[in-house]
Amino acid sequence: MHDLAHLPVPVWRDELANEYAALGARLEHLVPCLEWPLHLPLIDAINKLKQQRGAVIMAHSYQSPEIFHGVADVTGDSFALAQAAADCDAQLIVLCGVHFMAESAKILAPHKTVLTPDPTAGCSLAASITAADVRALRAQYPGVPVVSYVNTSAAVKAESDACCTSANAVQVVEAMGSARVIFVPDRFLGSYVASQTRVELLLWNGRCEVHEKFTAQQARHARERFDAKLVAHPECPPEVWAEADFVGSTSAMVRWLAKEQPARVALITECSMADNLRAQFPRTEFIKPCNLCPHMQQITLQNIYSCLRDLRPAVEVPAEVAARARTALTRMLAVGRRETV
């Protein structure tokens, strides 16, 4: 690839406003007007640079609107991004999300270069359990299969029989063919899965620092004050699900919105998802509560541009860990594909 490290810092040019008029209109209510002149030169520079590099930019649904709508080629939840990494033809992937997502992309696409704009963008769930913890659970419950949520490190995935996302957790658990399954690390998601299956789940006490903060009182306030439908992520506490009209993964939330077309809805999840869906569902009013993930906010247009320009930081996973983690991720993808056929 050509050395493009000499490229100047992107600056405003008047013609950008016309060139990106459609995007500007789409983001008018999502990005503050004072920020748009700062974002647009970087959006333009990233879009031109990814073409020169032959790169694909993948962005999680929790990324900010200027990234999600402005530069991403592939968007979606963890499952969708994992599938895209495995299937795409590009040899260069920029993964706009937290570190475990970039690791998963590299594991599933070992011969491709996977860049992460900020390798310190972590996840409270991934930090809540180690490979040693999983080995200890196996020793405590010999013969019981382990399903790990995709929000885990490569090392934890390598100790697991299968991975899952919130979208296919029930199906993956039942595909283990066991009366008991160790489910790590999200206790609230695990409790939700347990309520949807006859399989006995042995749970770890990990929690998402974004979703665990939501309360039933916040949910009731959104319903009573705004007459809003409530849609909750299963990483929320059980008392929040009890208030909700629908509980599901990020992709399931989108399908529910498309089907129900509510006048007002409170997405009880990460804030950026509601921001991004406003453009897709302009007739629906999105009401808080929501919380921002501080780790997702570490990904910015500036560090996306820098990593594309400099081709670093690149994600690397030790070969032996990657090989075992790939088996667990591949089982997750196989179950997901069967469910969507």
C-alpha atoms as a PDB file:
ATOM      1  CA  MET A   1       0.000   0.000   0.000  1.00  0.00           C
ATOM      2  CA  HIS A   2       1.153   3.535  -0.714  1.00  0.00           C
ATOM      3  CA  ASP A   3       2.666   5.600   2.086  1.00  0.00           C
ATOM      4  CA  LEU A   4       0.071   8.267   2.840  1.00  0.00           C
ATOM      5  CA  ALA A   5       1.471   9.385   6.208  1.00  0.00           C
ATOM      6  CA  HIS A   6       2.361  12.757   4.662  1.00  0.00           C
ATOM      7  CA  LEU A   7      -1.290  13.698   4.092  1.00  0.00           C
ATOM      8  CA  PRO A   8      -2.217  17.107   5.536  1.00  0.00           C
ATOM      9  CA  VAL A   9      -4.818  17.568   8.252  1.00  0.00           C
ATOM     10  CA  PRO A  10      -8.279  17.818   6.598  1.00  0.00           C
ATOM     11  CA  VAL A  11      -9.669  21.352   6.544  1.00  0.00           C
ATOM     12  CA  TRP A  12     -12.957  22.946   5.513  1.00  0.00           C
ATOM     13  CA  ARG A  13     -13.604  23.649   1.842  1.00  0.00           C
ATOM     14  CA  ASP A  14     -16.780  25.450   0.788  1.00  0.00           C
ATOM     15  CA  GLU A  15     -17.598  22.897  -1.903  1.00  0.00           C
ATOM     16  CA  LEU A  16     -17.978  20.179   0.777  1.00  0.00           C
ATOM     17  CA  ALA A  17     -21.366  21.593   1.784  1.00  0.00           C
ATOM     18  CA  ASN A  18     -22.783  20.894  -1.676  1.00  0.00           C
ATOM     19  CA  GLU A  19     -20.986  17.600  -2.118  1.00  0.00           C
ATOM     20  CA  TYR A  20     -22.405  16.253   1.136  1.00  0.00           C
ATOM     21  CA  ALA A  21     -25.768  18.065   1.059  1.00  0.00           C
ATOM     22  CA  ALA A  22     -27.769  14.827   1.291  1.00  0.00           C
ATOM     23  CA  LEU A  23     -25.773  13.580   4.279  1.00  0.00           C
ATOM     24  CA  GLY A  24     -26.065  16.998   5.924  1.00  0.00           C
ATOM     25  CA  ALA A  25     -29.836  16.898   5.589  1.00  0.00           C
ATOM     26  CA  ARG A  26     -29.916  13.364   7.001  1.00  0.00           C
ATOM     27  CA  LEU A  27     -27.874  14.372  10.054  1.00  0.00           C
ATOM     28  CA  GLU A  28     -29.408  17.814  10.569  1.00  0.00           C
ATOM     29  CA  HIS A  29     -31.276  16.760  13.705  1.00  0.00           C
ATOM     30  CA  LEU A  30     -28.601  14.347  14.915  1.00  0.00           C
ATOM     31  CA  VAL A  31     -25.391  16.412  14.846  1.00  0.00           C
ATOM     32  CA  PRO A  32     -25.204  19.922  16.376  1.00  0.00           C
ATOM     33  CA  CYS A  33     -24.864  22.546  13.638  1.00  0.00           C
ATOM     34  CA  LEU A  34     -21.708  23.959  15.207  1.00  0.00           C
ATOM     35  CA  GLU A  35     -20.025  20.549  14.958  1.00  0.00           C
ATOM     36  CA  TRP A  36     -20.889  19.850  11.321  1.00  0.00           C
ATOM     37  CA  PRO A  37     -18.139  22.077   9.786  1.00  0.00           C
ATOM     38  CA  LEU A  38     -15.630  20.267  12.014  1.00  0.00           C
ATOM     39  CA  HIS A  39     -16.862  16.789  11.104  1.00  0.00           C
ATOM     40  CA  LEU A  40     -17.323  17.208   7.369  1.00  0.00           C
ATOM     41  CA  PRO A  41     -13.653  17.645   6.306  1.00  0.00           C
ATOM     42  CA  LEU A  42     -12.783  14.461   8.218  1.00  0.00           C
ATOM     43  CA  ILE A  43     -15.747  12.558   6.745  1.00  0.00           C
ATOM     44  CA  ASP A  44     -14.634  13.564   3.262  1.00  0.00           C
ATOM     45  CA  ALA A  45     -10.995  12.696   3.934  1.00  0.00           C
ATOM     46  CA  ILE A  46     -11.900   9.284   5.423  1.00  0.00           C
ATOM     47  CA  ASN A  47     -14.172   8.413   2.495  1.00  0.00           C
ATOM     48  CA  LYS A  48     -11.458   9.283  -0.016  1.00  0.00           C
ATOM     49  CA  LEU A  49      -8.742   7.522   1.986  1.00  0.00           C
ATOM     50  CA  LYS A  50     -10.715   4.287   2.386  1.00  0.00           C
ATOM     51  CA  GLN A  51     -11.124   4.162  -1.395  1.00  0.00           C
ATOM     52  CA  GLN A  52      -7.392   4.605  -1.879  1.00  0.00           C
ATOM     53  CA  ARG A  53      -6.687   1.927   0.708  1.00  0.00           C
ATOM     54  CA  GLY A  54      -9.390  -0.464  -0.506  1.00  0.00           C
ATOM     55  CA  ALA A  55     -10.702  -0.545   3.061  1.00  0.00           C
ATOM     56  CA  VAL A  56     -14.088  -1.389   4.519  1.00  0.00           C
ATOM     57  CA  ILE A  57     -15.215   0.553   7.587  1.00  0.00           C
ATOM     58  CA  MET A  58     -17.487  -1.355   9.960  1.00  0.00           C
ATOM     59  CA  ALA A  59     -19.333   0.493  12.729  1.00  0.00           C
ATOM     60  CA  HIS A  60     -21.339  -0.810  15.642  1.00  0.00           C
ATOM     61  CA  SER A  61     -24.840   0.542  16.236  1.00  0.00           C
ATOM     62  CA  TYR A  62     -23.547   2.409  19.299  1.00  0.00           C
ATOM     63  CA  GLN A  63     -21.201   4.597  17.259  1.00  0.00           C
ATOM     64  CA  SER A  64     -22.004   8.307  16.998  1.00  0.00           C
ATOM     65  CA  PRO A  65     -24.105   9.455  13.995  1.00  0.00           C
ATOM     66  CA  GLU A  66     -21.282  11.170  12.107  1.00  0.00           C
ATOM     67  CA  ILE A  67     -19.427   7.825  12.074  1.00  0.00           C
ATOM     68  CA  PHE A  68     -22.434   5.534  11.636  1.00  0.00           C
ATOM     69  CA  HIS A  69     -23.951   7.526   8.760  1.00  0.00           C
ATOM     70  CA  GLY A  70     -20.937   9.460   7.534  1.00  0.00           C
ATOM     71  CA  VAL A  71     -18.165   6.931   6.903  1.00  0.00           C
ATOM     72  CA  ALA A  72     -19.338   3.375   7.692  1.00  0.00           C
ATOM     73  CA  ASP A  73     -19.782   0.830   4.898  1.00  0.00           C
ATOM     74  CA  VAL A  74     -21.210  -1.854   7.201  1.00  0.00           C
ATOM     75  CA  THR A  75     -23.262  -1.159  10.335  1.00  0.00           C
ATOM     76  CA  GLY A  76     -25.008  -3.356  12.849  1.00  0.00           C
ATOM     77  CA  ASP A  77     -24.744  -5.290  16.067  1.00  0.00           C
ATOM     78  CA  SER A  78     -21.887  -7.558  17.125  1.00  0.00           C
ATOM     79  CA  PHE A  79     -23.306 -10.511  15.195  1.00  0.00           C
ATOM     80  CA  ALA A  80     -23.695  -8.538  11.964  1.00  0.00           C
ATOM     81  CA  LEU A  81     -20.150  -7.166  12.193  1.00  0.00           C
ATOM     82  CA  ALA A  82     -18.702 -10.612  12.924  1.00  0.00           C
ATOM     83  CA  GLN A  83     -20.482 -12.031   9.870  1.00  0.00           C
ATOM     84  CA  ALA A  84     -19.324  -9.127   7.727  1.00  0.00           C
ATOM     85  CA  ALA A  85     -15.704  -9.580   8.771  1.00  0.00           C
ATOM     86  CA  ALA A  86     -15.852 -13.259   7.876  1.00  0.00           C
ATOM     87  CA  ASP A  87     -17.548 -12.656   4.518  1.00  0.00           C
ATOM     88  CA  CYS A  88     -16.170  -9.405   3.095  1.00  0.00           C
ATOM     89  CA  ASP A  89     -13.671  -9.363   0.219  1.00  0.00           C
ATOM     90  CA  ALA A  90     -11.649  -6.374   1.429  1.00  0.00           C
ATOM     91  CA  GLN A  91      -8.188  -7.074   2.784  1.00  0.00           C
ATOM     92  CA  LEU A  92      -8.295  -4.048   5.106  1.00  0.00           C
ATOM     93  CA  ILE A  93     -10.983  -3.632   7.766  1.00  0.00           C
ATOM     94  CA  VAL A  94     -11.383  -0.678  10.129  1.00  0.00           C
ATOM     95  CA  LEU A  95     -13.527  -1.796  13.051  1.00  0.00           C
ATOM     96  CA  CYS A  96     -15.285   1.110  14.772  1.00  0.00           C
ATOM     97  CA  GLY A  97     -16.285  -0.398  18.067  1.00  0.00           C
ATOM     98  CA  VAL A  98     -14.705  -1.648  21.256  1.00  0.00           C
ATOM     99  CA  HIS A  99     -11.646  -3.881  21.331  1.00  0.00           C
ATOM    100  CA  PHE A 100     -13.322  -7.291  21.603  1.00  0.00           C
ATOM    101  CA  MET A 101     -15.163  -6.548  18.332  1.00  0.00           C
ATOM    102  CA  ALA A 102     -11.899  -5.831  16.527  1.00  0.00           C
ATOM    103  CA  GLU A 103     -10.428  -9.035  17.991  1.00  0.00           C
ATOM    104  CA  SER A 104     -13.407 -11.031  16.713  1.00  0.00           C
ATOM    105  CA  ALA A 105     -12.985  -9.557  13.242  1.00  0.00           C
ATOM    106  CA  LYS A 106      -9.301 -10.532  13.204  1.00  0.00           C
ATOM    107  CA  ILE A 107     -10.057 -14.040  14.460  1.00  0.00           C
ATOM    108  CA  LEU A 108     -12.632 -14.595  11.722  1.00  0.00           C
ATOM    109  CA  ALA A 109     -10.494 -12.923   9.047  1.00  0.00           C
ATOM    110  CA  PRO A 110      -6.954 -13.979  10.052  1.00  0.00           C
ATOM    111  CA  HIS A 111      -5.333 -13.132   6.723  1.00  0.00           C
ATOM    112  CA  LYS A 112      -6.784  -9.630   6.605  1.00  0.00           C
ATOM    113  CA  THR A 113      -5.482  -6.493   8.280  1.00  0.00           C
ATOM    114  CA  VAL A 114      -7.867  -5.286  10.976  1.00  0.00           C
ATOM    115  CA  LEU A 115      -7.325  -1.798  12.341  1.00  0.00           C
ATOM    116  CA  THR A 116      -8.842  -0.380  15.514  1.00  0.00           C
ATOM    117  CA  PRO A 117      -8.998   3.399  15.867  1.00  0.00           C
ATOM    118  CA  ASP A 118      -8.432   3.151  19.635  1.00  0.00           C
ATOM    119  CA  PRO A 119      -7.126  -0.118  21.112  1.00  0.00           C
ATOM    120  CA  THR A 120      -7.886   1.117  24.647  1.00  0.00           C
ATOM    121  CA  ALA A 121     -11.646   1.188  23.969  1.00  0.00           C
ATOM    122  CA  GLY A 122     -12.681  -1.586  26.317  1.00  0.00           C
ATOM    123  CA  CYS A 123     -15.833  -3.156  27.746  1.00  0.00           C
ATOM    124  CA  SER A 124     -16.884  -3.715  31.350  1.00  0.00           C
ATOM    125  CA  LEU A 125     -18.239  -7.158  30.455  1.00  0.00           C
ATOM    126  CA  ALA A 126     -15.034  -8.252  28.735  1.00  0.00           C
ATOM    127  CA  ALA A 127     -13.055  -7.001  31.736  1.00  0.00           C
ATOM    128  CA  SER A 128     -15.243  -8.920  34.201  1.00  0.00           C
ATOM    129  CA  ILE A 129     -13.948 -12.415  33.380  1.00  0.00           C
ATOM    130  CA  THR A 130     -10.634 -14.030  32.457  1.00  0.00           C
ATOM    131  CA  ALA A 131      -9.603 -17.254  30.772  1.00  0.00           C
ATOM    132  CA  ALA A 132      -8.507 -18.543  34.193  1.00  0.00           C
ATOM    133  CA  ASP A 133     -12.020 -17.885  35.528  1.00  0.00           C
ATOM    134  CA  VAL A 134     -13.510 -20.009  32.735  1.00  0.00           C
ATOM    135  CA  ARG A 135     -11.069 -22.840  33.422  1.00  0.00           C
ATOM    136  CA  ALA A 136     -12.044 -22.705  37.110  1.00  0.00           C
ATOM    137  CA  LEU A 137     -15.726 -22.939  36.180  1.00  0.00           C
ATOM    138  CA  ARG A 138     -15.016 -25.974  33.999  1.00  0.00           C
ATOM    139  CA  ALA A 139     -13.216 -27.611  36.903  1.00  0.00           C
ATOM    140  CA  GLN A 140     -16.142 -26.848  39.214  1.00  0.00           C
ATOM    141  CA  TYR A 141     -18.719 -28.176  36.728  1.00  0.00           C
ATOM    142  CA  PRO A 142     -16.952 -30.934  34.756  1.00  0.00           C
ATOM    143  CA  GLY A 143     -18.539 -31.797  31.435  1.00  0.00           C
ATOM    144  CA  VAL A 144     -20.847 -28.760  31.367  1.00  0.00           C
ATOM    145  CA  PRO A 145     -20.415 -26.742  28.126  1.00  0.00           C
ATOM    146  CA  VAL A 146     -19.474 -23.064  28.238  1.00  0.00           C
ATOM    147  CA  VAL A 147     -21.225 -20.391  26.175  1.00  0.00           C
ATOM    148  CA  SER A 148     -19.560 -17.002  26.294  1.00  0.00           C
ATOM    149  CA  TYR A 149     -21.218 -13.783  25.239  1.00  0.00           C
ATOM    150  CA  VAL A 150     -19.352 -12.167  22.352  1.00  0.00           C
ATOM    151  CA  ASN A 151     -18.519  -9.282  24.735  1.00  0.00           C
ATOM    152  CA  THR A 152     -15.435 -11.161  25.958  1.00  0.00           C
ATOM    153  CA  SER A 153     -11.730 -11.276  25.207  1.00  0.00           C
ATOM    154  CA  ALA A 154     -10.225 -13.627  22.647  1.00  0.00           C
ATOM    155  CA  ALA A 155      -8.656 -15.584  25.523  1.00  0.00           C
ATOM    156  CA  VAL A 156     -12.085 -16.197  27.097  1.00  0.00           C
ATOM    157  CA  LYS A 157     -13.581 -17.177  23.751  1.00  0.00           C
ATOM    158  CA  ALA A 158     -10.746 -19.681  23.346  1.00  0.00           C
ATOM    159  CA  GLU A 159     -11.835 -21.409  26.568  1.00  0.00           C
ATOM    160  CA  SER A 160     -15.476 -21.582  25.442  1.00  0.00           C
ATOM    161  CA  ASP A 161     -17.439 -24.161  23.488  1.00  0.00           C
ATOM    162  CA  ALA A 162     -19.411 -21.488  21.647  1.00  0.00           C
ATOM    163  CA  CYS A 163     -19.975 -17.750  21.601  1.00  0.00           C
ATOM    164  CA  CYS A 164     -23.296 -15.955  21.263  1.00  0.00           C
ATOM    165  CA  THR A 165     -24.703 -12.482  20.864  1.00  0.00           C
ATOM    166  CA  SER A 166     -27.834 -11.165  22.534  1.00  0.00           C
ATOM    167  CA  ALA A 167     -29.575 -11.861  19.204  1.00  0.00           C
ATOM    168  CA  ASN A 168     -28.953 -15.618  19.195  1.00  0.00           C
ATOM    169  CA  ALA A 169     -28.097 -16.472  22.813  1.00  0.00           C
ATOM    170  CA  VAL A 170     -31.138 -18.715  23.356  1.00  0.00           C
ATOM    171  CA  GLN A 171     -30.497 -20.637  20.137  1.00  0.00           C
ATOM    172  CA  VAL A 172     -26.789 -21.111  20.906  1.00  0.00           C
ATOM    173  CA  VAL A 173     -27.512 -22.314  24.456  1.00  0.00           C
ATOM    174  CA  GLU A 174     -30.048 -24.847  23.184  1.00  0.00           C
ATOM    175  CA  ALA A 175     -27.680 -25.974  20.416  1.00  0.00           C
ATOM    176  CA  MET A 176     -25.265 -27.225  23.098  1.00  0.00           C
ATOM    177  CA  GLY A 177     -27.574 -30.217  23.619  1.00  0.00           C
ATOM    178  CA  SER A 178     -27.002 -30.165  27.371  1.00  0.00           C
ATOM    179  CA  ALA A 179     -29.400 -29.842  30.289  1.00  0.00           C
ATOM    180  CA  ARG A 180     -26.975 -27.409  31.944  1.00  0.00           C
ATOM    181  CA  VAL A 181     -24.812 -24.698  30.383  1.00  0.00           C
ATOM    182  CA  ILE A 182     -22.274 -22.315  31.903  1.00  0.00           C
ATOM    183  CA  PHE A 183     -23.143 -18.839  30.582  1.00  0.00           C
ATOM    184  CA  VAL A 184     -20.657 -15.986  30.938  1.00  0.00           C
ATOM    185  CA  PRO A 185     -20.201 -13.149  31.702  1.00  0.00           C
ATOM    186  CA  ASP A 186     -23.444 -11.064  31.688  1.00  0.00           C
ATOM    187  CA  ARG A 187     -25.671 -12.078  34.568  1.00  0.00           C
ATOM    188  CA  PHE A 188     -28.684 -10.065  33.392  1.00  0.00           C
ATOM    189  CA  LEU A 189     -28.526 -11.370  29.833  1.00  0.00           C
ATOM    190  CA  GLY A 190     -28.031 -14.863  31.244  1.00  0.00           C
ATOM    191  CA  SER A 191     -31.121 -14.436  33.432  1.00  0.00           C
ATOM    192  CA  TYR A 192     -33.120 -13.344  30.415  1.00  0.00           C
ATOM    193  CA  VAL A 193     -31.929 -16.336  28.378  1.00  0.00           C
ATOM    194  CA  ALA A 194     -32.814 -18.627  31.304  1.00  0.00           C
ATOM    195  CA  SER A 195     -36.365 -17.254  31.225  1.00  0.00           C
ATOM    196  CA  GLN A 196     -36.660 -18.243  27.545  1.00  0.00           C
ATOM    197  CA  THR A 197     -35.370 -21.837  27.722  1.00  0.00           C
ATOM    198  CA  ARG A 198     -35.604 -25.015  29.771  1.00  0.00           C
ATOM    199  CA  VAL A 199     -31.811 -25.297  29.881  1.00  0.00           C
ATOM    200  CA  GLU A 200     -30.406 -24.613  33.362  1.00  0.00           C
ATOM    201  CA  LEU A 201     -27.870 -21.800  33.178  1.00  0.00           C
ATOM    202  CA  LEU A 202     -24.951 -21.386  35.561  1.00  0.00           C
ATOM    203  CA  LEU A 203     -24.252 -17.656  35.570  1.00  0.00           C
ATOM    204  CA  TRP A 204     -21.257 -15.388  36.129  1.00  0.00           C
ATOM    205  CA  ASN A 205     -21.721 -12.038  37.871  1.00  0.00           C
ATOM    206  CA  GLY A 206     -20.624  -9.708  35.053  1.00  0.00           C
ATOM    207  CA  ARG A 207     -22.678  -6.668  34.110  1.00  0.00           C
ATOM    208  CA  CYS A 208     -22.665  -3.990  31.429  1.00  0.00           C
ATOM    209  CA  GLU A 209     -21.833  -0.638  33.016  1.00  0.00           C
ATOM    210  CA  VAL A 210     -24.222   1.103  30.596  1.00  0.00           C
ATOM    211  CA  HIS A 211     -27.280  -1.145  30.873  1.00  0.00           C
ATOM    212  CA  GLU A 212     -27.065  -1.985  34.576  1.00  0.00           C
ATOM    213  CA  LYS A 213     -27.745   1.684  35.424  1.00  0.00           C
ATOM    214  CA  PHE A 214     -31.291   1.683  34.063  1.00  0.00           C
ATOM    215  CA  THR A 215     -34.121   1.450  36.582  1.00  0.00           C
ATOM    216  CA  ALA A 216     -37.757   0.425  36.504  1.00  0.00           C
ATOM    217  CA  GLN A 217     -38.645   3.932  37.717  1.00  0.00           C
ATOM    218  CA  GLN A 218     -37.013   5.478  34.624  1.00  0.00           C
ATOM    219  CA  ALA A 219     -38.937   3.091  32.393  1.00  0.00           C
ATOM    220  CA  ARG A 220     -42.268   3.853  34.073  1.00  0.00           C
ATOM    221  CA  HIS A 221     -41.586   7.593  33.811  1.00  0.00           C
ATOM    222  CA  ALA A 222     -41.000   7.311  30.049  1.00  0.00           C
ATOM    223  CA  ARG A 223     -44.281   5.446  29.637  1.00  0.00           C
ATOM    224  CA  GLU A 224     -46.378   7.657  31.919  1.00  0.00           C
ATOM    225  CA  ARG A 225     -44.909  11.059  31.035  1.00  0.00           C
ATOM    226  CA  PHE A 226     -44.554  10.569  27.274  1.00  0.00           C
ATOM    227  CA  ASP A 227     -46.994   7.722  26.526  1.00  0.00           C
ATOM    228  CA  ALA A 228     -44.033   5.891  24.997  1.00  0.00           C
ATOM    229  CA  LYS A 229     -43.598   2.244  24.146  1.00  0.00           C
ATOM    230  CA  LEU A 230     -40.679   0.705  26.033  1.00  0.00           C
ATOM    231  CA  VAL A 231     -38.041  -1.390  24.282  1.00  0.00           C
ATOM    232  CA  ALA A 232     -35.271  -2.771  26.500  1.00  0.00           C
ATOM    233  CA  HIS A 233     -32.003  -4.580  25.897  1.00  0.00           C
ATOM    234  CA  PRO A 234     -31.669  -7.874  27.828  1.00  0.00           C
ATOM    235  CA  GLU A 235     -28.457  -6.584  29.448  1.00  0.00           C
ATOM    236  CA  CYS A 236     -30.755  -4.362  31.555  1.00  0.00           C
ATOM    237  CA  PRO A 237     -31.842  -5.490  35.052  1.00  0.00           C
ATOM    238  CA  PRO A 238     -34.869  -7.833  35.161  1.00  0.00           C
ATOM    239  CA  GLU A 239     -37.092  -5.179  36.760  1.00  0.00           C
ATOM    240  CA  VAL A 240     -36.593  -3.093  33.603  1.00  0.00           C
ATOM    241  CA  TRP A 241     -37.629  -5.958  31.295  1.00  0.00           C
ATOM    242  CA  ALA A 242     -40.775  -6.348  33.411  1.00  0.00           C
ATOM    243  CA  GLU A 243     -41.831  -2.822  32.405  1.00  0.00           C
ATOM    244  CA  ALA A 244     -40.980  -3.213  28.710  1.00  0.00           C
ATOM    245  CA  ASP A 245     -43.278  -3.795  25.758  1.00  0.00           C
ATOM    246  CA  PHE A 246     -40.442  -5.605  24.018  1.00  0.00           C
ATOM    247  CA  VAL A 247     -37.078  -7.036  25.100  1.00  0.00           C
ATOM    248  CA  GLY A 248     -34.454  -7.860  22.507  1.00  0.00           C
ATOM    249  CA  SER A 249     -31.056  -7.360  20.947  1.00  0.00           C
ATOM    250  CA  THR A 250     -30.132  -4.287  18.952  1.00  0.00           C
ATOM    251  CA  SER A 251     -31.080  -5.994  15.668  1.00  0.00           C
ATOM    252  CA  ALA A 252     -34.341  -7.277  17.164  1.00  0.00           C
ATOM    253  CA  MET A 253     -35.180  -3.739  18.312  1.00  0.00           C
ATOM    254  CA  VAL A 254     -34.850  -2.511  14.721  1.00  0.00           C
ATOM    255  CA  ARG A 255     -37.161  -5.265  13.449  1.00  0.00           C
ATOM    256  CA  TRP A 256     -39.699  -4.442  16.168  1.00  0.00           C
ATOM    257  CA  LEU A 257     -39.651  -0.741  15.270  1.00  0.00           C
ATOM    258  CA  ALA A 258     -40.124  -1.541  11.580  1.00  0.00           C
ATOM    259  CA  LYS A 259     -43.118  -3.752  12.378  1.00  0.00           C
ATOM    260  CA  GLU A 260     -44.824  -1.681  15.079  1.00  0.00           C
ATOM    261  CA  GLN A 261     -44.032   1.881  13.888  1.00  0.00           C
ATOM    262  CA  PRO A 262     -44.771   3.393  17.327  1.00  0.00           C
ATOM    263  CA  ALA A 263     -45.485   7.125  17.624  1.00  0.00           C
ATOM    264  CA  ARG A 264     -43.103   7.375  20.598  1.00  0.00           C
ATOM    265  CA  VAL A 265     -40.599   4.894  21.946  1.00  0.00           C
ATOM    266  CA  ALA A 266     -37.998   4.756  24.689  1.00  0.00           C
ATOM    267  CA  LEU A 267     -35.060   2.579  23.650  1.00  0.00           C
ATOM    268  CA  ILE A 268     -33.627   1.530  26.981  1.00  0.00           C
ATOM    269  CA  THR A 269     -30.094   1.007  25.754  1.00  0.00           C
ATOM    270  CA  GLU A 270     -27.052   2.996  24.625  1.00  0.00           C
ATOM    271  CA  CYS A 271     -27.939   6.534  23.458  1.00  0.00           C
ATOM    272  CA  SER A 272     -26.223   6.493  20.078  1.00  0.00           C
ATOM    273  CA  MET A 273     -28.467   3.693  18.848  1.00  0.00           C
ATOM    274  CA  ALA A 274     -31.556   5.886  19.206  1.00  0.00           C
ATOM    275  CA  ASP A 275     -29.719   8.754  17.498  1.00  0.00           C
ATOM    276  CA  ASN A 276     -28.869   6.540  14.528  1.00  0.00           C
ATOM    277  CA  LEU A 277     -32.359   5.092  14.221  1.00  0.00           C
ATOM    278  CA  ARG A 278     -34.006   8.513  14.117  1.00  0.00           C
ATOM    279  CA  ALA A 279     -32.892   8.801  10.512  1.00  0.00           C
ATOM    280  CA  GLN A 280     -34.350   5.374   9.666  1.00  0.00           C
ATOM    281  CA  PHE A 281     -37.662   5.952  11.480  1.00  0.00           C
ATOM    282  CA  PRO A 282     -38.445   9.670  11.054  1.00  0.00           C
ATOM    283  CA  ARG A 283     -42.100   9.228  12.059  1.00  0.00           C
ATOM    284  CA  THR A 284     -41.181   7.801  15.466  1.00  0.00           C
ATOM    285  CA  GLU A 285     -40.220  10.106  18.333  1.00  0.00           C
ATOM    286  CA  PHE A 286     -37.396   8.649  20.423  1.00  0.00           C
ATOM    287  CA  ILE A 287     -37.627   9.398  24.143  1.00  0.00           C
ATOM    288  CA  LYS A 288     -34.952   8.953  26.793  1.00  0.00           C
ATOM    289  CA  PRO A 289     -33.821   7.290  29.119  1.00  0.00           C
ATOM    290  CA  CYS A 290     -30.559   6.273  27.550  1.00  0.00           C
ATOM    291  CA  ASN A 291     -26.938   6.109  28.656  1.00  0.00           C
ATOM    292  CA  LEU A 292     -23.774   6.689  26.631  1.00  0.00           C
ATOM    293  CA  CYS A 293     -21.076   4.002  26.543  1.00  0.00           C
ATOM    294  CA  PRO A 294     -17.827   5.828  27.395  1.00  0.00           C
ATOM    295  CA  HIS A 295     -15.773   3.199  25.554  1.00  0.00           C
ATOM    296  CA  MET A 296     -17.708   3.507  22.296  1.00  0.00           C
ATOM    297  CA  GLN A 297     -17.246   7.281  22.502  1.00  0.00           C
ATOM    298  CA  GLN A 298     -13.466   6.791  22.328  1.00  0.00           C
ATOM    299  CA  ILE A 299     -13.858   6.094  18.610  1.00  0.00           C
ATOM    300  CA  THR A 300     -13.806   9.409  16.728  1.00  0.00           C
ATOM    301  CA  LEU A 301     -13.528  10.617  13.152  1.00  0.00           C
ATOM    302  CA  GLN A 302     -10.044  11.867  13.989  1.00  0.00           C
ATOM    303  CA  ASN A 303      -8.683   8.503  15.134  1.00  0.00           C
ATOM    304  CA  ILE A 304     -10.455   6.692  12.267  1.00  0.00           C
ATOM    305  CA  TYR A 305      -8.662   9.023   9.849  1.00  0.00           C
ATOM    306  CA  SER A 306      -5.331   8.554  11.632  1.00  0.00           C
ATOM    307  CA  CYS A 307      -5.482   4.772  11.653  1.00  0.00           C
ATOM    308  CA  LEU A 308      -6.404   4.652   7.961  1.00  0.00           C
ATOM    309  CA  ARG A 309      -3.628   7.105   7.113  1.00  0.00           C
ATOM    310  CA  ASP A 310      -0.972   5.352   9.205  1.00  0.00           C
ATOM    311  CA  LEU A 311      -2.317   1.758   8.939  1.00  0.00           C
ATOM    312  CA  ARG A 312      -2.130   1.311  12.677  1.00  0.00           C
ATOM    313  CA  PRO A 313      -2.939   0.212  15.324  1.00  0.00           C
ATOM    314  CA  ALA A 314      -3.434  -3.255  13.840  1.00  0.00           C
ATOM    315  CA  VAL A 315      -5.105  -5.989  15.876  1.00  0.00           C
ATOM    316  CA  GLU A 316      -3.124  -9.167  16.494  1.00  0.00           C
ATOM    317  CA  VAL A 317      -4.298 -12.306  18.293  1.00  0.00           C
ATOM    318  CA  PRO A 318      -1.849 -15.138  19.169  1.00  0.00           C
ATOM    319  CA  ALA A 319      -2.317 -17.971  16.668  1.00  0.00           C
ATOM    320  CA  GLU A 320      -3.130 -20.676  19.230  1.00  0.00           C
ATOM    321  CA  VAL A 321      -5.689 -18.462  21.011  1.00  0.00           C
ATOM    322  CA  ALA A 322      -7.190 -17.367  17.696  1.00  0.00           C
ATOM    323  CA  ALA A 323      -7.600 -20.943  16.456  1.00  0.00           C
ATOM    324  CA  ARG A 324      -9.597 -22.009  19.516  1.00  0.00           C
ATOM    325  CA  ALA A 325     -11.593 -18.781  19.670  1.00  0.00           C
ATOM    326  CA  ARG A 326     -12.411 -19.170  15.968  1.00  0.00           C
ATOM    327  CA  THR A 327     -14.114 -22.489  16.707  1.00  0.00           C
ATOM    328  CA  ALA A 328     -16.377 -20.829  19.301  1.00  0.00           C
ATOM    329  CA  LEU A 329     -17.185 -17.883  17.021  1.00  0.00           C
ATOM    330  CA  THR A 330     -17.844 -20.148  14.037  1.00  0.00           C
ATOM    331  CA  ARG A 331     -20.419 -22.093  16.063  1.00  0.00           C
ATOM    332  CA  MET A 332     -22.121 -18.775  16.878  1.00  0.00           C
ATOM    333  CA  LEU A 333     -22.259 -17.822  13.208  1.00  0.00           C
ATOM    334  CA  ALA A 334     -23.511 -21.248  12.172  1.00  0.00           C
ATOM    335  CA  VAL A 335     -26.442 -21.058  14.606  1.00  0.00           C
ATOM    336  CA  GLY A 336     -27.225 -17.510  13.494  1.00  0.00           C
ATOM    337  CA  ARG A 337     -27.258 -18.480   9.813  1.00  0.00           C
ATOM    338  CA  ARG A 338     -29.602 -21.419  10.476  1.00  0.00           C
ATOM    339  CA  GLU A 339     -31.967 -19.080  12.317  1.00  0.00           C
ATOM    340  CA  THR A 340     -32.116 -16.614   9.428  1.00  0.00           C
ATOM    341  CA  VAL A 341     -32.647 -19.154   6.624  1.00  0.00           C
END
